Every structure is written in C-alpha cells, then in structure tokens.
Amino acid sequence: VAVHQEIASRLISSQLFPILIQQLRVASNWDIRAKVARVIGL
C-alpha cells in the first residue's frame, strides 16, 4: 500500500513512522529490520 502516493503521504505523517524507526532500532530479527527499512524507503 505504500506505493500509492496519497497513502504514503498519510502514513509517513502518522504515528506509524516513529514506530517504524523504533522497530528499526530494537527489532532483534534482521528480516524485520530489513522489511522496516524497505517500508520506510517506499
């Protein structure tokens, strides 16, 4: 869903973005970290 321009704009400006950053920082599973990075990039 992040590839849709309006959805991406809403998600990046929501409380989701800080949670993604937190997951990138604390997730012990590197697969999760990689996917979190991909979502942030998209």
PDB file of all heavy atoms in Angstrom:
ATOM      1  N   VAL A   1       0.812  -1.223   0.000  1.00  0.00           N
ATOM      2  CA  VAL A   1       0.000   0.000   0.000  1.00  0.00           C
ATOM      3  C   VAL A   1       0.844   1.270   0.000  1.00  0.00           C
ATOM      4  O   VAL A   1       0.360   2.332  -0.380  1.00  0.00           O
ATOM      5  CB  VAL A   1      -1.021   0.029   1.171  1.00  0.00           C
ATOM      6  CG1 VAL A   1      -2.049  -1.059   1.024  1.00  0.00           C
ATOM      7  CG2 VAL A   1      -0.341  -0.013   2.518  1.00  0.00           C
ATOM      8  N   ALA A   2       2.116   1.164   0.402  1.00  0.00           N
ATOM      9  CA  ALA A   2       2.985   2.344   0.478  1.00  0.00           C
ATOM     10  C   ALA A   2       3.376   2.889  -0.888  1.00  0.00           C
ATOM     11  O   ALA A   2       3.918   3.984  -0.986  1.00  0.00           O
ATOM     12  CB  ALA A   2       4.241   2.026   1.285  1.00  0.00           C
ATOM     13  N   VAL A   3       3.107   2.135  -1.945  1.00  0.00           N
ATOM     14  CA  VAL A   3       3.453   2.623  -3.289  1.00  0.00           C
ATOM     15  C   VAL A   3       2.403   3.584  -3.834  1.00  0.00           C
ATOM     16  O   VAL A   3       2.585   4.170  -4.897  1.00  0.00           O
ATOM     17  CB  VAL A   3       3.673   1.455  -4.283  1.00  0.00           C
ATOM     18  CG1 VAL A   3       4.848   0.597  -3.841  1.00  0.00           C
ATOM     19  CG2 VAL A   3       2.428   0.611  -4.437  1.00  0.00           C
ATOM     20  N   HIS A   4       1.315   3.763  -3.111  1.00  0.00           N
ATOM     21  CA  HIS A   4       0.277   4.725  -3.505  1.00  0.00           C
ATOM     22  C   HIS A   4       0.634   6.079  -2.884  1.00  0.00           C
ATOM     23  O   HIS A   4       0.841   6.182  -1.682  1.00  0.00           O
ATOM     24  CB  HIS A   4      -1.093   4.241  -3.023  1.00  0.00           C
ATOM     25  CG  HIS A   4      -2.223   5.030  -3.572  1.00  0.00           C
ATOM     26  ND1 HIS A   4      -2.565   6.256  -3.071  1.00  0.00           N
ATOM     27  CD2 HIS A   4      -3.081   4.783  -4.588  1.00  0.00           C
ATOM     28  CE1 HIS A   4      -3.595   6.734  -3.739  1.00  0.00           C
ATOM     29  NE2 HIS A   4      -3.918   5.848  -4.678  1.00  0.00           N
ATOM     30  N   GLN A   5       0.687   7.115  -3.711  1.00  0.00           N
ATOM     31  CA  GLN A   5       1.193   8.414  -3.281  1.00  0.00           C
ATOM     32  C   GLN A   5       0.445   8.994  -2.074  1.00  0.00           C
ATOM     33  O   GLN A   5       1.068   9.443  -1.111  1.00  0.00           O
ATOM     34  CB  GLN A   5       1.133   9.393  -4.455  1.00  0.00           C
ATOM     35  CG  GLN A   5       1.882  10.669  -4.214  1.00  0.00           C
ATOM     36  CD  GLN A   5       1.908  11.535  -5.461  1.00  0.00           C
ATOM     37  OE1 GLN A   5       0.979  11.539  -6.260  1.00  0.00           O
ATOM     38  NE2 GLN A   5       2.985  12.278  -5.628  1.00  0.00           N
ATOM     39  N   GLU A   6      -0.867   8.986  -2.113  1.00  0.00           N
ATOM     40  CA  GLU A   6      -1.623   9.587  -1.006  1.00  0.00           C
ATOM     41  C   GLU A   6      -1.515   8.755   0.274  1.00  0.00           C
ATOM     42  O   GLU A   6      -1.404   9.295   1.371  1.00  0.00           O
ATOM     43  CB  GLU A   6      -3.090   9.769  -1.402  1.00  0.00           C
ATOM     44  CG  GLU A   6      -3.843  10.650  -0.431  1.00  0.00           C
ATOM     45  CD  GLU A   6      -5.254  10.990  -0.896  1.00  0.00           C
ATOM     46  OE1 GLU A   6      -5.518  10.952  -2.112  1.00  0.00           O
ATOM     47  OE2 GLU A   6      -6.080  11.284  -0.016  1.00  0.00           O
ATOM     48  N   ILE A   7      -1.517   7.442   0.138  1.00  0.00           N
ATOM     49  CA  ILE A   7      -1.360   6.567   1.306  1.00  0.00           C
ATOM     50  C   ILE A   7       0.031   6.763   1.908  1.00  0.00           C
ATOM     51  O   ILE A   7       0.185   6.867   3.124  1.00  0.00           O
ATOM     52  CB  ILE A   7      -1.584   5.087   0.938  1.00  0.00           C
ATOM     53  CG1 ILE A   7      -3.020   4.855   0.480  1.00  0.00           C
ATOM     54  CG2 ILE A   7      -1.234   4.164   2.096  1.00  0.00           C
ATOM     55  CD1 ILE A   7      -4.078   5.071   1.531  1.00  0.00           C
ATOM     56  N   ALA A   8       1.056   6.826   1.065  1.00  0.00           N
ATOM     57  CA  ALA A   8       2.424   7.039   1.555  1.00  0.00           C
ATOM     58  C   ALA A   8       2.515   8.361   2.316  1.00  0.00           C
ATOM     59  O   ALA A   8       3.133   8.422   3.387  1.00  0.00           O
ATOM     60  CB  ALA A   8       3.414   7.019   0.393  1.00  0.00           C
ATOM     61  N   SER A   9       1.900   9.400   1.778  1.00  0.00           N
ATOM     62  CA  SER A   9       1.924  10.714   2.448  1.00  0.00           C
ATOM     63  C   SER A   9       1.222  10.656   3.798  1.00  0.00           C
ATOM     64  O   SER A   9       1.693  11.249   4.776  1.00  0.00           O
ATOM     65  CB  SER A   9       1.268  11.769   1.569  1.00  0.00           C
ATOM     66  OG  SER A   9       1.971  11.893   0.359  1.00  0.00           O
ATOM     67  N   ARG A  10       0.115   9.947   3.861  1.00  0.00           N
ATOM     68  CA  ARG A  10      -0.613   9.829   5.128  1.00  0.00           C
ATOM     69  C   ARG A  10       0.164   8.985   6.137  1.00  0.00           C
ATOM     70  O   ARG A  10       0.200   9.301   7.327  1.00  0.00           O
ATOM     71  CB  ARG A  10      -1.985   9.210   4.887  1.00  0.00           C
ATOM     72  CG  ARG A  10      -2.945  10.141   4.179  1.00  0.00           C
ATOM     73  CD  ARG A  10      -4.224   9.431   3.826  1.00  0.00           C
ATOM     74  NE  ARG A  10      -5.275   9.804   4.757  1.00  0.00           N
ATOM     75  CZ  ARG A  10      -6.500   9.327   4.703  1.00  0.00           C
ATOM     76  NH1 ARG A  10      -6.832   8.438   3.786  1.00  0.00           N
ATOM     77  NH2 ARG A  10      -7.392   9.723   5.568  1.00  0.00           N
ATOM     78  N   LEU A  11       0.764   7.895   5.679  1.00  0.00           N
ATOM     79  CA  LEU A  11       1.489   7.011   6.590  1.00  0.00           C
ATOM     80  C   LEU A  11       2.760   7.656   7.134  1.00  0.00           C
ATOM     81  O   LEU A  11       3.073   7.513   8.310  1.00  0.00           O
ATOM     82  CB  LEU A  11       1.823   5.686   5.903  1.00  0.00           C
ATOM     83  CG  LEU A  11       0.653   4.737   5.650  1.00  0.00           C
ATOM     84  CD1 LEU A  11       1.111   3.524   4.851  1.00  0.00           C
ATOM     85  CD2 LEU A  11      -0.010   4.307   6.955  1.00  0.00           C
ATOM     86  N   ILE A  12       3.494   8.367   6.284  1.00  0.00           N
ATOM     87  CA  ILE A  12       4.753   8.964   6.747  1.00  0.00           C
ATOM     88  C   ILE A  12       4.491  10.089   7.749  1.00  0.00           C
ATOM     89  O   ILE A  12       5.310  10.368   8.616  1.00  0.00           O
ATOM     90  CB  ILE A  12       5.627   9.438   5.560  1.00  0.00           C
ATOM     91  CG1 ILE A  12       7.098   9.518   5.988  1.00  0.00           C
ATOM     92  CG2 ILE A  12       5.157  10.777   5.012  1.00  0.00           C
ATOM     93  CD1 ILE A  12       8.066   9.681   4.841  1.00  0.00           C
ATOM     94  N   SER A  13       3.324  10.716   7.656  1.00  0.00           N
ATOM     95  CA  SER A  13       2.973  11.806   8.564  1.00  0.00           C
ATOM     96  C   SER A  13       2.218  11.326   9.794  1.00  0.00           C
ATOM     97  O   SER A  13       1.845  12.124  10.638  1.00  0.00           O
ATOM     98  CB  SER A  13       2.123  12.848   7.826  1.00  0.00           C
ATOM     99  OG  SER A  13       2.851  13.390   6.762  1.00  0.00           O
ATOM    100  N   SER A  14       1.995  10.032   9.902  1.00  0.00           N
ATOM    101  CA  SER A  14       1.217   9.479  11.016  1.00  0.00           C
ATOM    102  C   SER A  14       2.134   8.977  12.125  1.00  0.00           C
ATOM    103  O   SER A  14       3.361   9.035  12.021  1.00  0.00           O
ATOM    104  CB  SER A  14       0.349   8.328  10.507  1.00  0.00           C
ATOM    105  OG  SER A  14       1.147   7.194  10.239  1.00  0.00           O
ATOM    106  N   GLN A  15       1.502   8.426  13.167  1.00  0.00           N
ATOM    107  CA  GLN A  15       2.266   7.844  14.278  1.00  0.00           C
ATOM    108  C   GLN A  15       2.981   6.562  13.871  1.00  0.00           C
ATOM    109  O   GLN A  15       3.790   6.038  14.621  1.00  0.00           O
ATOM    110  CB  GLN A  15       1.350   7.597  15.488  1.00  0.00           C
ATOM    111  CG  GLN A  15       0.332   6.498  15.314  1.00  0.00           C
ATOM    112  CD  GLN A  15      -1.033   6.995  14.869  1.00  0.00           C
ATOM    113  OE1 GLN A  15      -1.155   7.976  14.148  1.00  0.00           O
ATOM    114  NE2 GLN A  15      -2.079   6.296  15.298  1.00  0.00           N
ATOM    115  N   LEU A  16       2.717   6.061  12.660  1.00  0.00           N
ATOM    116  CA  LEU A  16       3.383   4.848  12.191  1.00  0.00           C
ATOM    117  C   LEU A  16       4.876   5.075  11.959  1.00  0.00           C
ATOM    118  O   LEU A  16       5.693   4.207  12.275  1.00  0.00           O
ATOM    119  CB  LEU A  16       2.734   4.345  10.897  1.00  0.00           C
ATOM    120  CG  LEU A  16       3.402   3.135  10.240  1.00  0.00           C
ATOM    121  CD1 LEU A  16       3.257   1.897  11.112  1.00  0.00           C
ATOM    122  CD2 LEU A  16       2.818   2.879   8.866  1.00  0.00           C
ATOM    123  N   PHE A  17       5.249   6.228  11.429  1.00  0.00           N
ATOM    124  CA  PHE A  17       6.653   6.461  11.070  1.00  0.00           C
ATOM    125  C   PHE A  17       7.586   6.359  12.282  1.00  0.00           C
ATOM    126  O   PHE A  17       8.602   5.654  12.215  1.00  0.00           O
ATOM    127  CB  PHE A  17       6.807   7.800  10.340  1.00  0.00           C
ATOM    128  CG  PHE A  17       8.120   7.938   9.643  1.00  0.00           C
ATOM    129  CD1 PHE A  17       8.403   7.217   8.501  1.00  0.00           C
ATOM    130  CD2 PHE A  17       9.101   8.791  10.140  1.00  0.00           C
ATOM    131  CE1 PHE A  17       9.625   7.337   7.861  1.00  0.00           C
ATOM    132  CE2 PHE A  17      10.319   8.918   9.509  1.00  0.00           C
ATOM    133  CZ  PHE A  17      10.578   8.195   8.364  1.00  0.00           C
ATOM    134  N   PRO A  18       7.270   7.003  13.435  1.00  0.00           N
ATOM    135  CA  PRO A  18       8.144   6.814  14.604  1.00  0.00           C
ATOM    136  C   PRO A  18       8.202   5.358  15.080  1.00  0.00           C
ATOM    137  O   PRO A  18       9.238   4.900  15.552  1.00  0.00           O
ATOM    138  CB  PRO A  18       7.508   7.717  15.671  1.00  0.00           C
ATOM    139  CG  PRO A  18       6.738   8.725  14.906  1.00  0.00           C
ATOM    140  CD  PRO A  18       6.264   8.036  13.664  1.00  0.00           C
ATOM    141  N   ILE A  19       7.105   4.612  14.915  1.00  0.00           N
ATOM    142  CA  ILE A  19       7.116   3.198  15.308  1.00  0.00           C
ATOM    143  C   ILE A  19       8.015   2.396  14.379  1.00  0.00           C
ATOM    144  O   ILE A  19       8.735   1.502  14.819  1.00  0.00           O
ATOM    145  CB  ILE A  19       5.676   2.642  15.362  1.00  0.00           C
ATOM    146  CG1 ILE A  19       4.954   3.252  16.560  1.00  0.00           C
ATOM    147  CG2 ILE A  19       5.671   1.120  15.450  1.00  0.00           C
ATOM    148  CD1 ILE A  19       3.498   2.920  16.666  1.00  0.00           C
ATOM    149  N   LEU A  20       8.002   2.735  13.092  1.00  0.00           N
ATOM    150  CA  LEU A  20       8.913   2.070  12.155  1.00  0.00           C
ATOM    151  C   LEU A  20      10.365   2.339  12.541  1.00  0.00           C
ATOM    152  O   LEU A  20      11.204   1.429  12.519  1.00  0.00           O
ATOM    153  CB  LEU A  20       8.644   2.537  10.728  1.00  0.00           C
ATOM    154  CG  LEU A  20       7.347   2.057  10.086  1.00  0.00           C
ATOM    155  CD1 LEU A  20       7.094   2.783   8.767  1.00  0.00           C
ATOM    156  CD2 LEU A  20       7.366   0.551   9.875  1.00  0.00           C
ATOM    157  N   ILE A  21      10.665   3.584  12.898  1.00  0.00           N
ATOM    158  CA  ILE A  21      12.033   3.924  13.325  1.00  0.00           C
ATOM    159  C   ILE A  21      12.407   3.121  14.565  1.00  0.00           C
ATOM    160  O   ILE A  21      13.513   2.575  14.658  1.00  0.00           O
ATOM    161  CB  ILE A  21      12.162   5.437  13.585  1.00  0.00           C
ATOM    162  CG1 ILE A  21      11.977   6.218  12.278  1.00  0.00           C
ATOM    163  CG2 ILE A  21      13.514   5.765  14.219  1.00  0.00           C
ATOM    164  CD1 ILE A  21      11.864   7.721  12.465  1.00  0.00           C
ATOM    165  N   GLN A  22      11.473   3.036  15.509  1.00  0.00           N
ATOM    166  CA  GLN A  22      11.730   2.277  16.727  1.00  0.00           C
ATOM    167  C   GLN A  22      11.983   0.803  16.401  1.00  0.00           C
ATOM    168  O   GLN A  22      12.891   0.189  16.956  1.00  0.00           O
ATOM    169  CB  GLN A  22      10.542   2.414  17.672  1.00  0.00           C
ATOM    170  CG  GLN A  22      10.676   1.586  18.933  1.00  0.00           C
ATOM    171  CD  GLN A  22       9.384   1.539  19.721  1.00  0.00           C
ATOM    172  OE1 GLN A  22       8.385   2.140  19.373  1.00  0.00           O
ATOM    173  NE2 GLN A  22       9.400   0.781  20.798  1.00  0.00           N
ATOM    174  N   GLN A  23      11.197   0.223  15.501  1.00  0.00           N
ATOM    175  CA  GLN A  23      11.388  -1.170  15.114  1.00  0.00           C
ATOM    176  C   GLN A  23      12.734  -1.383  14.435  1.00  0.00           C
ATOM    177  O   GLN A  23      13.382  -2.403  14.634  1.00  0.00           O
ATOM    178  CB  GLN A  23      10.255  -1.643  14.199  1.00  0.00           C
ATOM    179  CG  GLN A  23       8.946  -1.838  14.903  1.00  0.00           C
ATOM    180  CD  GLN A  23       9.046  -2.911  15.983  1.00  0.00           C
ATOM    181  OE1 GLN A  23       9.492  -4.023  15.742  1.00  0.00           O
ATOM    182  NE2 GLN A  23       8.640  -2.555  17.186  1.00  0.00           N
ATOM    183  N   LEU A  24      13.149  -0.410  13.644  1.00  0.00           N
ATOM    184  CA  LEU A  24      14.462  -0.484  13.000  1.00  0.00           C
ATOM    185  C   LEU A  24      15.558  -0.504  14.055  1.00  0.00           C
ATOM    186  O   LEU A  24      16.568  -1.176  13.903  1.00  0.00           O
ATOM    187  CB  LEU A  24      14.635   0.714  12.054  1.00  0.00           C
ATOM    188  CG  LEU A  24      15.828   0.718  11.131  1.00  0.00           C
ATOM    189  CD1 LEU A  24      15.836  -0.496  10.226  1.00  0.00           C
ATOM    190  CD2 LEU A  24      15.830   1.986  10.297  1.00  0.00           C
ATOM    191  N   ARG A  25      15.329   0.183  15.143  1.00  0.00           N
ATOM    192  CA  ARG A  25      16.316   0.266  16.221  1.00  0.00           C
ATOM    193  C   ARG A  25      16.319  -0.981  17.102  1.00  0.00           C
ATOM    194  O   ARG A  25      17.389  -1.484  17.455  1.00  0.00           O
ATOM    195  CB  ARG A  25      16.032   1.503  17.083  1.00  0.00           C
ATOM    196  CG  ARG A  25      16.997   1.686  18.240  1.00  0.00           C
ATOM    197  CD  ARG A  25      16.697   2.930  19.056  1.00  0.00           C
ATOM    198  NE  ARG A  25      17.025   4.120  18.303  1.00  0.00           N
ATOM    199  CZ  ARG A  25      16.140   5.053  17.936  1.00  0.00           C
ATOM    200  NH1 ARG A  25      14.877   4.940  18.265  1.00  0.00           N
ATOM    201  NH2 ARG A  25      16.519   6.098  17.255  1.00  0.00           N
ATOM    202  N   VAL A  26      15.145  -1.512  17.461  1.00  0.00           N
ATOM    203  CA  VAL A  26      15.096  -2.531  18.512  1.00  0.00           C
ATOM    204  C   VAL A  26      14.815  -3.949  18.043  1.00  0.00           C
ATOM    205  O   VAL A  26      15.015  -4.893  18.815  1.00  0.00           O
ATOM    206  CB  VAL A  26      14.046  -2.164  19.599  1.00  0.00           C
ATOM    207  CG1 VAL A  26      14.398  -0.858  20.254  1.00  0.00           C
ATOM    208  CG2 VAL A  26      12.645  -2.166  19.045  1.00  0.00           C
ATOM    209  N   ALA A  27      14.334  -4.137  16.838  1.00  0.00           N
ATOM    210  CA  ALA A  27      13.990  -5.495  16.388  1.00  0.00           C
ATOM    211  C   ALA A  27      15.227  -6.386  16.404  1.00  0.00           C
ATOM    212  O   ALA A  27      16.275  -6.022  15.876  1.00  0.00           O
ATOM    213  CB  ALA A  27      13.375  -5.458  14.994  1.00  0.00           C
ATOM    214  N   SER A  28      15.084  -7.551  17.026  1.00  0.00           N
ATOM    215  CA  SER A  28      16.232  -8.469  17.088  1.00  0.00           C
ATOM    216  C   SER A  28      16.341  -9.279  15.801  1.00  0.00           C
ATOM    217  O   SER A  28      17.407  -9.770  15.467  1.00  0.00           O
ATOM    218  CB  SER A  28      16.092  -9.396  18.295  1.00  0.00           C
ATOM    219  OG  SER A  28      14.861 -10.079  18.234  1.00  0.00           O
ATOM    220  N   ASN A  29      15.251  -9.396  15.083  1.00  0.00           N
ATOM    221  CA  ASN A  29      15.204 -10.159  13.839  1.00  0.00           C
ATOM    222  C   ASN A  29      15.635  -9.252  12.673  1.00  0.00           C
ATOM    223  O   ASN A  29      14.991  -8.238  12.393  1.00  0.00           O
ATOM    224  CB  ASN A  29      13.766 -10.670  13.643  1.00  0.00           C
ATOM    225  CG  ASN A  29      13.606 -11.541  12.439  1.00  0.00           C
ATOM    226  OD1 ASN A  29      14.188 -11.293  11.387  1.00  0.00           O
ATOM    227  ND2 ASN A  29      12.786 -12.570  12.578  1.00  0.00           N
ATOM    228  N   TRP A  30      16.708  -9.617  11.979  1.00  0.00           N
ATOM    229  CA  TRP A  30      17.219  -8.775  10.888  1.00  0.00           C
ATOM    230  C   TRP A  30      16.288  -8.770   9.675  1.00  0.00           C
ATOM    231  O   TRP A  30      16.283  -7.821   8.905  1.00  0.00           O
ATOM    232  CB  TRP A  30      18.634  -9.208  10.489  1.00  0.00           C
ATOM    233  CG  TRP A  30      19.641  -8.618  11.426  1.00  0.00           C
ATOM    234  CD1 TRP A  30      20.277  -9.268  12.438  1.00  0.00           C
ATOM    235  CD2 TRP A  30      20.086  -7.263  11.469  1.00  0.00           C
ATOM    236  NE1 TRP A  30      21.104  -8.395  13.108  1.00  0.00           N
ATOM    237  CE2 TRP A  30      21.013  -7.156  12.525  1.00  0.00           C
ATOM    238  CE3 TRP A  30      19.805  -6.120  10.713  1.00  0.00           C
ATOM    239  CZ2 TRP A  30      21.643  -5.964  12.858  1.00  0.00           C
ATOM    240  CZ3 TRP A  30      20.442  -4.932  11.047  1.00  0.00           C
ATOM    241  CH2 TRP A  30      21.340  -4.854  12.106  1.00  0.00           C
ATOM    242  N   ASP A  31      15.486  -9.811   9.511  1.00  0.00           N
ATOM    243  CA  ASP A  31      14.497  -9.791   8.426  1.00  0.00           C
ATOM    244  C   ASP A  31      13.470  -8.690   8.668  1.00  0.00           C
ATOM    245  O   ASP A  31      13.073  -7.986   7.741  1.00  0.00           O
ATOM    246  CB  ASP A  31      13.789 -11.145   8.307  1.00  0.00           C
ATOM    247  CG  ASP A  31      14.690 -12.226   7.745  1.00  0.00           C
ATOM    248  OD1 ASP A  31      15.659 -11.878   7.025  1.00  0.00           O
ATOM    249  OD2 ASP A  31      14.435 -13.410   8.014  1.00  0.00           O
ATOM    250  N   ILE A  32      13.059  -8.555   9.921  1.00  0.00           N
ATOM    251  CA  ILE A  32      12.114  -7.485  10.263  1.00  0.00           C
ATOM    252  C   ILE A  32      12.756  -6.130  10.037  1.00  0.00           C
ATOM    253  O   ILE A  32      12.149  -5.229   9.448  1.00  0.00           O
ATOM    254  CB  ILE A  32      11.602  -7.639  11.715  1.00  0.00           C
ATOM    255  CG1 ILE A  32      10.704  -8.873  11.806  1.00  0.00           C
ATOM    256  CG2 ILE A  32      10.864  -6.383  12.173  1.00  0.00           C
ATOM    257  CD1 ILE A  32      10.210  -9.203  13.195  1.00  0.00           C
ATOM    258  N   ARG A  33      13.989  -5.969  10.468  1.00  0.00           N
ATOM    259  CA  ARG A  33      14.681  -4.690  10.261  1.00  0.00           C
ATOM    260  C   ARG A  33      14.782  -4.349   8.770  1.00  0.00           C
ATOM    261  O   ARG A  33      14.589  -3.218   8.365  1.00  0.00           O
ATOM    262  CB  ARG A  33      16.088  -4.739  10.862  1.00  0.00           C
ATOM    263  CG  ARG A  33      16.121  -4.554  12.343  1.00  0.00           C
ATOM    264  CD  ARG A  33      17.549  -4.583  12.832  1.00  0.00           C
ATOM    265  NE  ARG A  33      17.647  -3.959  14.131  1.00  0.00           N
ATOM    266  CZ  ARG A  33      18.791  -3.728  14.738  1.00  0.00           C
ATOM    267  NH1 ARG A  33      19.935  -4.081  14.170  1.00  0.00           N
ATOM    268  NH2 ARG A  33      18.813  -3.163  15.918  1.00  0.00           N
ATOM    269  N   ALA A  34      15.095  -5.352   7.965  1.00  0.00           N
ATOM    270  CA  ALA A  34      15.222  -5.122   6.522  1.00  0.00           C
ATOM    271  C   ALA A  34      13.879  -4.705   5.918  1.00  0.00           C
ATOM    272  O   ALA A  34      13.820  -3.792   5.083  1.00  0.00           O
ATOM    273  CB  ALA A  34      15.746  -6.378   5.836  1.00  0.00           C
ATOM    274  N   LYS A  35      12.797  -5.353   6.338  1.00  0.00           N
ATOM    275  CA  LYS A  35      11.469  -5.001   5.802  1.00  0.00           C
ATOM    276  C   LYS A  35      11.016  -3.641   6.310  1.00  0.00           C
ATOM    277  O   LYS A  35      10.365  -2.890   5.586  1.00  0.00           O
ATOM    278  CB  LYS A  35      10.433  -6.069   6.150  1.00  0.00           C
ATOM    279  CG  LYS A  35      10.632  -7.349   5.396  1.00  0.00           C
ATOM    280  CD  LYS A  35      10.592  -7.139   3.885  1.00  0.00           C
ATOM    281  CE  LYS A  35      10.920  -8.423   3.171  1.00  0.00           C
ATOM    282  NZ  LYS A  35      11.719  -8.273   1.992  1.00  0.00           N
ATOM    283  N   VAL A  36      11.348  -3.314   7.554  1.00  0.00           N
ATOM    284  CA  VAL A  36      11.027  -1.978   8.075  1.00  0.00           C
ATOM    285  C   VAL A  36      11.749  -0.929   7.239  1.00  0.00           C
ATOM    286  O   VAL A  36      11.160   0.082   6.843  1.00  0.00           O
ATOM    287  CB  VAL A  36      11.407  -1.861   9.570  1.00  0.00           C
ATOM    288  CG1 VAL A  36      11.410  -0.413  10.026  1.00  0.00           C
ATOM    289  CG2 VAL A  36      10.464  -2.680  10.432  1.00  0.00           C
ATOM    290  N   ALA A  37      13.016  -1.181   6.936  1.00  0.00           N
ATOM    291  CA  ALA A  37      13.776  -0.245   6.099  1.00  0.00           C
ATOM    292  C   ALA A  37      13.138  -0.122   4.725  1.00  0.00           C
ATOM    293  O   ALA A  37      13.051   0.975   4.160  1.00  0.00           O
ATOM    294  CB  ALA A  37      15.230  -0.705   5.975  1.00  0.00           C
ATOM    295  N   ARG A  38      12.665  -1.226   4.198  1.00  0.00           N
ATOM    296  CA  ARG A  38      12.026  -1.182   2.880  1.00  0.00           C
ATOM    297  C   ARG A  38      10.748  -0.346   2.927  1.00  0.00           C
ATOM    298  O   ARG A  38      10.492   0.458   2.034  1.00  0.00           O
ATOM    299  CB  ARG A  38      11.715  -2.588   2.391  1.00  0.00           C
ATOM    300  CG  ARG A  38      11.086  -2.556   1.010  1.00  0.00           C
ATOM    301  CD  ARG A  38      10.947  -3.918   0.414  1.00  0.00           C
ATOM    302  NE  ARG A  38      10.400  -3.792  -0.923  1.00  0.00           N
ATOM    303  CZ  ARG A  38       9.964  -4.789  -1.637  1.00  0.00           C
ATOM    304  NH1 ARG A  38      10.049  -6.011  -1.157  1.00  0.00           N
ATOM    305  NH2 ARG A  38       9.470  -4.602  -2.825  1.00  0.00           N
ATOM    306  N   VAL A  39       9.934  -0.523   3.966  1.00  0.00           N
ATOM    307  CA  VAL A  39       8.707   0.279   4.102  1.00  0.00           C
ATOM    308  C   VAL A  39       9.059   1.756   4.202  1.00  0.00           C
ATOM    309  O   VAL A  39       8.453   2.599   3.527  1.00  0.00           O
ATOM    310  CB  VAL A  39       7.866  -0.181   5.320  1.00  0.00           C
ATOM    311  CG1 VAL A  39       6.705   0.782   5.575  1.00  0.00           C
ATOM    312  CG2 VAL A  39       7.337  -1.585   5.119  1.00  0.00           C
ATOM    313  N   ILE A  40      10.056   2.086   5.014  1.00  0.00           N
ATOM    314  CA  ILE A  40      10.474   3.487   5.154  1.00  0.00           C
ATOM    315  C   ILE A  40      10.935   4.031   3.803  1.00  0.00           C
ATOM    316  O   ILE A  40      10.579   5.153   3.419  1.00  0.00           O
ATOM    317  CB  ILE A  40      11.587   3.625   6.220  1.00  0.00           C
ATOM    318  CG1 ILE A  40      11.018   3.346   7.615  1.00  0.00           C
ATOM    319  CG2 ILE A  40      12.226   5.008   6.171  1.00  0.00           C
ATOM    320  CD1 ILE A  40      12.063   3.265   8.716  1.00  0.00           C
ATOM    321  N   GLY A  41      11.719   3.250   3.072  1.00  0.00           N
ATOM    322  CA  GLY A  41      12.187   3.678   1.759  1.00  0.00           C
ATOM    323  C   GLY A  41      11.047   3.896   0.778  1.00  0.00           C
ATOM    324  O   GLY A  41      11.036   4.874   0.021  1.00  0.00           O
ATOM    325  N   LEU A  42      10.064   2.994   0.787  1.00  0.00           N
ATOM    326  CA  LEU A  42       8.908   3.149  -0.108  1.00  0.00           C
ATOM    327  C   LEU A  42       8.082   4.371   0.272  1.00  0.00           C
ATOM    328  O   LEU A  42       7.591   5.099  -0.606  1.00  0.00           O
ATOM    329  CB  LEU A  42       8.038   1.888  -0.080  1.00  0.00           C
ATOM    330  CG  LEU A  42       8.628   0.674  -0.794  1.00  0.00           C
ATOM    331  CD1 LEU A  42       7.798  -0.574  -0.500  1.00  0.00           C
ATOM    332  CD2 LEU A  42       8.717   0.918  -2.298  1.00  0.00           C
TER     333      LEU A  42
END
